[in-house]
């Protein structure tokens, strides 16, 4: 029997409400700022209710851009979407295949191969940034989507997650597939992939947000304004002098930058729950 403690429940709800306010208020402030002109924001007298400049700000931001960023934010969002989708899908494909090989195929130095992959967790992009840039530049991949995506699609974390999941799959499923005459690819496609949907959904959300928020790598390899991502665009819009910063455009861009990750989380959350239910069956 669970003891009813009103004070404990009140404190729990109060903590949750305070946490939501702390997290959500800056987002709300950015949304409100995107509906006013620059003068209202700079003066510090911005109301906490929507203004009358929303349509103008969002139209200008999406299709014309600001003075510093120059390119329309719609193009930046396309670049960021291609990069984030490429990184997320590439990481999932490489991770699930490498984990499948490590768990289900017998070959010399199998465990060594896994630990070599695992050790790369200690080598983030910042550590290997120069040799990676050198290779990309020598291959002529600067200012290309391939150059944005390819160096970031390897994932030791994804390989570890899929490996740990595959090790929990009963061996009877593999034996049953062999009795049915299924080969390695058919077992992977018909058995492991459906069971892995929860892991795939979770990893996709994490890697999509990781790719969407990339700043250092796109900053290094993109020299054309038409190839810059939305994160770089936000940084360029904010100058050292407040008078030169178009804050209404910067806030509008920040709000637009939040939309795709939020939609991905909402959409993949349903797939994640559905995958859990199907796995339990």
Protein backbone atom coordinates (compact mmCIF):
# COMPACT_ATOMS: atom_id res chain seq x y z
CA UNK A 1 0.00 0.00 0.00
CA UNK A 2 1.36 3.38 -1.02
CA UNK A 3 1.13 5.95 1.76
CA UNK A 4 -0.53 9.20 0.77
CA UNK A 5 1.71 12.14 1.67
CA UNK A 6 0.15 15.44 0.53
CA UNK A 7 3.19 17.53 1.42
CA UNK A 8 5.56 15.24 -0.50
CA UNK A 9 3.26 15.33 -3.53
CA UNK A 10 3.02 19.11 -3.30
CA UNK A 11 6.80 19.47 -3.21
CA UNK A 12 7.19 17.08 -6.15
CA UNK A 13 4.70 19.03 -8.27
CA UNK A 14 6.23 22.34 -7.19
CA UNK A 15 9.68 21.13 -8.26
CA UNK A 16 8.32 20.01 -11.62
CA UNK A 17 6.54 23.32 -12.19
CA UNK A 18 9.67 25.32 -11.30
CA UNK A 19 11.74 23.14 -13.63
CA UNK A 20 9.30 23.71 -16.50
CA UNK A 21 9.30 27.47 -15.88
CA UNK A 22 13.12 27.64 -15.84
CA UNK A 23 13.38 25.67 -19.07
CA UNK A 24 10.38 27.08 -20.93
CA UNK A 25 10.62 30.79 -20.06
CA UNK A 26 13.67 31.54 -22.28
CA UNK A 27 11.93 29.75 -25.15
CA UNK A 28 8.77 31.78 -24.55
CA UNK A 29 10.84 34.96 -24.43
CA UNK A 30 12.45 34.13 -27.78
CA UNK A 31 9.04 33.46 -29.33
CA UNK A 32 7.70 36.78 -28.05
CA UNK A 33 10.83 38.64 -29.24
CA UNK A 34 10.33 37.25 -32.74
CA UNK A 35 7.05 39.21 -32.98
CA UNK A 36 8.48 42.68 -32.26
CA UNK A 37 10.78 45.10 -34.07
CA UNK A 38 14.45 45.61 -33.15
CA UNK A 39 13.87 48.92 -31.35
CA UNK A 40 11.38 47.39 -28.90
CA UNK A 41 13.77 44.55 -28.04
CA UNK A 42 16.87 46.76 -27.65
CA UNK A 43 15.07 49.26 -25.38
CA UNK A 44 14.38 46.51 -22.87
CA UNK A 45 10.68 47.33 -22.66
CA UNK A 46 9.44 44.33 -24.60
CA UNK A 47 6.03 43.11 -23.38
CA UNK A 48 5.48 39.44 -22.60
CA UNK A 49 2.59 39.27 -25.06
CA UNK A 50 2.86 38.79 -28.85
CA UNK A 51 3.55 41.83 -31.00
CA UNK A 52 2.33 42.76 -34.47
CA UNK A 53 5.54 42.11 -36.44
CA UNK A 54 5.39 38.30 -36.53
CA UNK A 55 4.38 37.89 -40.17
CA UNK A 56 6.92 40.41 -41.39
CA UNK A 57 9.76 38.97 -39.26
CA UNK A 58 9.16 35.35 -40.21
CA UNK A 59 8.66 36.16 -43.90
CA UNK A 60 11.83 38.22 -44.05
CA UNK A 61 13.83 35.68 -42.07
CA UNK A 62 12.75 32.66 -44.10
CA UNK A 63 12.99 34.14 -47.59
CA UNK A 64 15.38 37.11 -47.38
CA UNK A 65 17.64 36.71 -44.36
CA UNK A 66 19.37 39.37 -42.28
CA UNK A 67 22.17 41.80 -42.92
CA UNK A 68 24.87 39.64 -41.32
CA UNK A 69 23.76 36.14 -42.39
CA UNK A 70 22.78 37.30 -45.92
CA UNK A 71 21.30 33.94 -46.96
CA UNK A 72 17.61 33.13 -46.33
CA UNK A 73 17.07 31.02 -43.24
CA UNK A 74 14.99 28.57 -45.31
CA UNK A 75 18.19 27.60 -47.15
CA UNK A 76 20.06 27.25 -43.85
CA UNK A 77 17.32 24.95 -42.57
CA UNK A 78 17.57 22.82 -45.70
CA UNK A 79 21.34 22.52 -45.21
CA UNK A 80 20.92 21.64 -41.53
CA UNK A 81 18.18 19.11 -42.34
CA UNK A 82 20.31 17.36 -44.97
CA UNK A 83 23.25 17.26 -42.58
CA UNK A 84 21.23 16.04 -39.59
CA UNK A 85 19.36 13.39 -41.58
CA UNK A 86 22.55 12.20 -43.25
CA UNK A 87 24.39 11.92 -39.94
CA UNK A 88 21.51 10.18 -38.16
CA UNK A 89 20.78 7.66 -40.91
CA UNK A 90 24.46 7.05 -41.64
CA UNK A 91 25.28 6.44 -37.98
CA UNK A 92 22.38 4.00 -37.61
CA UNK A 93 23.30 2.01 -40.74
CA UNK A 94 26.99 1.75 -39.91
CA UNK A 95 26.36 1.05 -36.21
CA UNK A 96 23.78 -1.68 -36.70
CA UNK A 97 25.83 -3.45 -39.38
CA UNK A 98 29.05 -3.29 -37.39
CA UNK A 99 27.29 -4.55 -34.26
CA UNK A 100 25.68 -7.37 -36.26
CA UNK A 101 29.07 -8.42 -37.59
CA UNK A 102 30.70 -8.32 -34.16
CA UNK A 103 27.96 -10.36 -32.46
CA UNK A 104 26.91 -12.92 -35.07
CA UNK A 105 29.99 -13.54 -37.22
CA UNK A 106 33.01 -15.52 -36.08
CA UNK A 107 36.27 -14.04 -37.35
CA UNK A 108 39.76 -13.52 -35.91
CA UNK A 109 40.22 -10.61 -33.50
CA UNK A 110 36.48 -10.03 -33.29
CA UNK A 111 36.61 -8.67 -29.76
CA UNK A 112 39.68 -6.63 -30.62
CA UNK A 113 37.79 -5.00 -33.46
CA UNK A 114 34.97 -4.07 -31.11
CA UNK A 115 37.31 -2.57 -28.53
CA UNK A 116 39.11 -0.58 -31.21
CA UNK A 117 35.73 0.87 -32.18
CA UNK A 118 34.88 1.49 -28.53
CA UNK A 119 38.17 3.33 -27.86
CA UNK A 120 37.24 5.92 -30.50
CA UNK A 121 34.77 7.29 -27.94
CA UNK A 122 37.80 8.98 -26.41
CA UNK A 123 38.54 10.75 -29.70
CA UNK A 124 35.85 13.38 -30.30
CA UNK A 125 35.69 15.49 -33.44
CA UNK A 126 37.66 18.31 -31.82
CA UNK A 127 40.67 16.02 -31.21
CA UNK A 128 40.87 14.76 -34.80
CA UNK A 129 39.68 17.95 -36.42
CA UNK A 130 42.88 18.79 -38.32
CA UNK A 131 43.52 15.41 -40.00
CA UNK A 132 39.82 15.11 -40.80
CA UNK A 133 39.78 18.56 -42.39
CA UNK A 134 42.96 17.75 -44.33
CA UNK A 135 41.43 14.59 -45.79
CA UNK A 136 38.18 16.32 -46.69
CA UNK A 137 40.06 19.20 -48.33
CA UNK A 138 42.33 16.85 -50.31
CA UNK A 139 39.27 14.98 -51.58
CA UNK A 140 37.70 18.25 -52.74
CA UNK A 141 34.71 17.90 -50.42
CA UNK A 142 34.72 21.41 -48.96
CA UNK A 143 31.39 23.19 -49.34
CA UNK A 144 29.59 19.93 -50.12
CA UNK A 145 26.96 17.91 -48.31
CA UNK A 146 29.21 14.87 -48.49
CA UNK A 147 31.92 16.77 -46.65
CA UNK A 148 29.42 17.87 -44.01
CA UNK A 149 28.06 14.38 -43.36
CA UNK A 150 30.72 11.77 -44.14
CA UNK A 151 33.28 12.49 -41.37
CA UNK A 152 30.58 12.37 -38.68
CA UNK A 153 28.65 9.20 -39.51
CA UNK A 154 30.83 6.71 -37.62
CA UNK A 155 29.42 6.08 -34.15
CA UNK A 156 31.02 3.95 -31.44
CA UNK A 157 28.09 4.75 -29.16
CA UNK A 158 25.58 3.37 -31.65
CA UNK A 159 27.68 0.24 -32.18
CA UNK A 160 27.81 -0.32 -28.43
CA UNK A 161 24.05 0.11 -28.04
CA UNK A 162 23.20 -2.29 -30.85
CA UNK A 163 25.80 -4.81 -29.69
CA UNK A 164 24.37 -4.86 -26.18
CA UNK A 165 20.86 -5.31 -27.58
CA UNK A 166 21.85 -8.09 -29.99
CA UNK A 167 23.49 -9.97 -27.14
CA UNK A 168 20.10 -10.12 -25.38
CA UNK A 169 18.35 -11.69 -28.39
CA UNK A 170 17.75 -15.41 -27.67
CA UNK A 171 19.91 -17.82 -29.63
CA UNK A 172 16.76 -19.84 -30.40
CA UNK A 173 15.71 -17.16 -32.89
CA UNK A 174 18.94 -17.64 -34.84
CA UNK A 175 18.55 -21.41 -34.75
CA UNK A 176 14.93 -21.18 -35.89
CA UNK A 177 15.96 -18.95 -38.79
CA UNK A 178 18.62 -21.46 -39.84
CA UNK A 179 16.05 -24.27 -39.75
CA UNK A 180 13.78 -22.20 -42.01
CA UNK A 181 16.67 -21.83 -44.45
CA UNK A 182 17.21 -18.14 -43.80
CA UNK A 183 20.63 -16.74 -44.55
CA UNK A 184 22.51 -14.04 -42.68
CA UNK A 185 20.83 -11.16 -44.51
CA UNK A 186 17.31 -12.59 -44.15
CA UNK A 187 17.82 -13.17 -40.42
CA UNK A 188 19.02 -9.61 -40.07
CA UNK A 189 16.15 -8.15 -42.13
CA UNK A 190 13.23 -10.26 -40.87
CA UNK A 191 14.22 -10.85 -37.24
CA UNK A 192 16.73 -8.36 -35.88
CA UNK A 193 15.49 -5.20 -37.59
CA UNK A 194 11.90 -5.43 -36.27
CA UNK A 195 13.21 -6.16 -32.79
CA UNK A 196 15.61 -3.21 -32.99
CA UNK A 197 13.03 -0.53 -33.76
CA UNK A 198 13.08 0.89 -30.24
CA UNK A 199 16.86 1.24 -30.27
CA UNK A 200 16.80 2.68 -33.80
CA UNK A 201 14.15 5.25 -32.81
CA UNK A 202 16.05 6.36 -29.71
CA UNK A 203 19.37 6.54 -31.55
CA UNK A 204 17.81 8.46 -34.44
CA UNK A 205 16.48 11.16 -32.11
CA UNK A 206 19.83 11.53 -30.36
CA UNK A 207 21.88 11.61 -33.55
CA UNK A 208 19.49 13.92 -35.41
CA UNK A 209 19.74 16.51 -32.64
CA UNK A 210 23.52 15.96 -32.56
CA UNK A 211 23.77 16.62 -36.29
CA UNK A 212 21.35 19.56 -36.21
CA UNK A 213 23.34 21.32 -33.47
CA UNK A 214 26.76 20.89 -35.11
CA UNK A 215 28.72 24.13 -35.15
CA UNK A 216 32.49 23.59 -35.31
CA UNK A 217 32.65 21.19 -38.27
CA UNK A 218 30.29 23.15 -40.59
CA UNK A 219 32.11 26.34 -39.61
CA UNK A 220 35.42 24.88 -40.78
CA UNK A 221 34.47 23.33 -44.10
CA UNK A 222 31.86 25.78 -45.40
CA UNK A 223 33.14 28.95 -47.00
CA UNK A 224 30.07 29.73 -49.10
CA UNK A 225 27.09 31.46 -47.54
CA UNK A 226 24.78 29.11 -49.44
CA UNK A 227 26.19 26.10 -47.54
CA UNK A 228 26.04 27.45 -44.00
CA UNK A 229 23.77 25.77 -41.46
CA UNK A 230 21.23 27.47 -39.23
CA UNK A 231 23.47 27.28 -36.14
CA UNK A 232 26.21 29.18 -37.98
CA UNK A 233 23.58 31.62 -39.23
CA UNK A 234 22.47 32.44 -35.69
CA UNK A 235 26.07 33.10 -34.65
CA UNK A 236 26.64 35.42 -37.62
CA UNK A 237 23.48 37.37 -36.86
CA UNK A 238 24.65 38.27 -33.36
CA UNK A 239 27.39 40.91 -33.55
CA UNK A 240 29.40 42.46 -30.73
CA UNK A 241 27.40 45.70 -30.97
CA UNK A 242 23.74 45.53 -29.99
CA UNK A 243 22.88 48.41 -32.30
CA UNK A 244 24.06 46.40 -35.32
CA UNK A 245 22.33 43.17 -34.32
CA UNK A 246 18.89 42.59 -35.82
CA UNK A 247 17.54 40.93 -32.69
CA UNK A 248 14.12 40.28 -34.16
CA UNK A 249 15.73 38.29 -36.99
CA UNK A 250 18.06 36.47 -34.61
CA UNK A 251 15.19 35.50 -32.29
CA UNK A 252 13.04 34.42 -35.21
CA UNK A 253 15.88 32.26 -36.51
CA UNK A 254 16.37 30.73 -33.06
CA UNK A 255 12.68 29.84 -32.89
CA UNK A 256 12.77 28.29 -36.36
CA UNK A 257 15.89 26.33 -35.40
CA UNK A 258 13.97 24.69 -32.55
CA UNK A 259 11.10 23.46 -34.71
CA UNK A 260 12.63 20.44 -36.55
CA UNK A 261 14.23 18.83 -33.45
CA UNK A 262 10.97 19.24 -31.51
CA UNK A 263 8.97 17.67 -34.34
CA UNK A 264 11.42 14.78 -34.59
CA UNK A 265 11.17 14.12 -30.86
CA UNK A 266 7.36 14.17 -30.97
CA UNK A 267 7.15 11.95 -34.05
CA UNK A 268 9.79 9.43 -32.94
CA UNK A 269 8.31 9.25 -29.45
CA UNK A 270 5.24 7.56 -30.91
CA UNK A 271 7.41 5.09 -32.83
CA UNK A 272 9.43 4.46 -29.68
CA UNK A 273 6.33 3.58 -27.62
CA UNK A 274 4.93 1.47 -30.46
CA UNK A 275 8.20 -0.41 -30.71
CA UNK A 276 8.15 -1.13 -26.97
CA UNK A 277 4.62 -2.54 -27.17
CA UNK A 278 5.43 -4.73 -30.18
CA UNK A 279 8.61 -6.01 -28.54
CA UNK A 280 6.69 -7.03 -25.41
CA UNK A 281 4.26 -9.01 -27.56
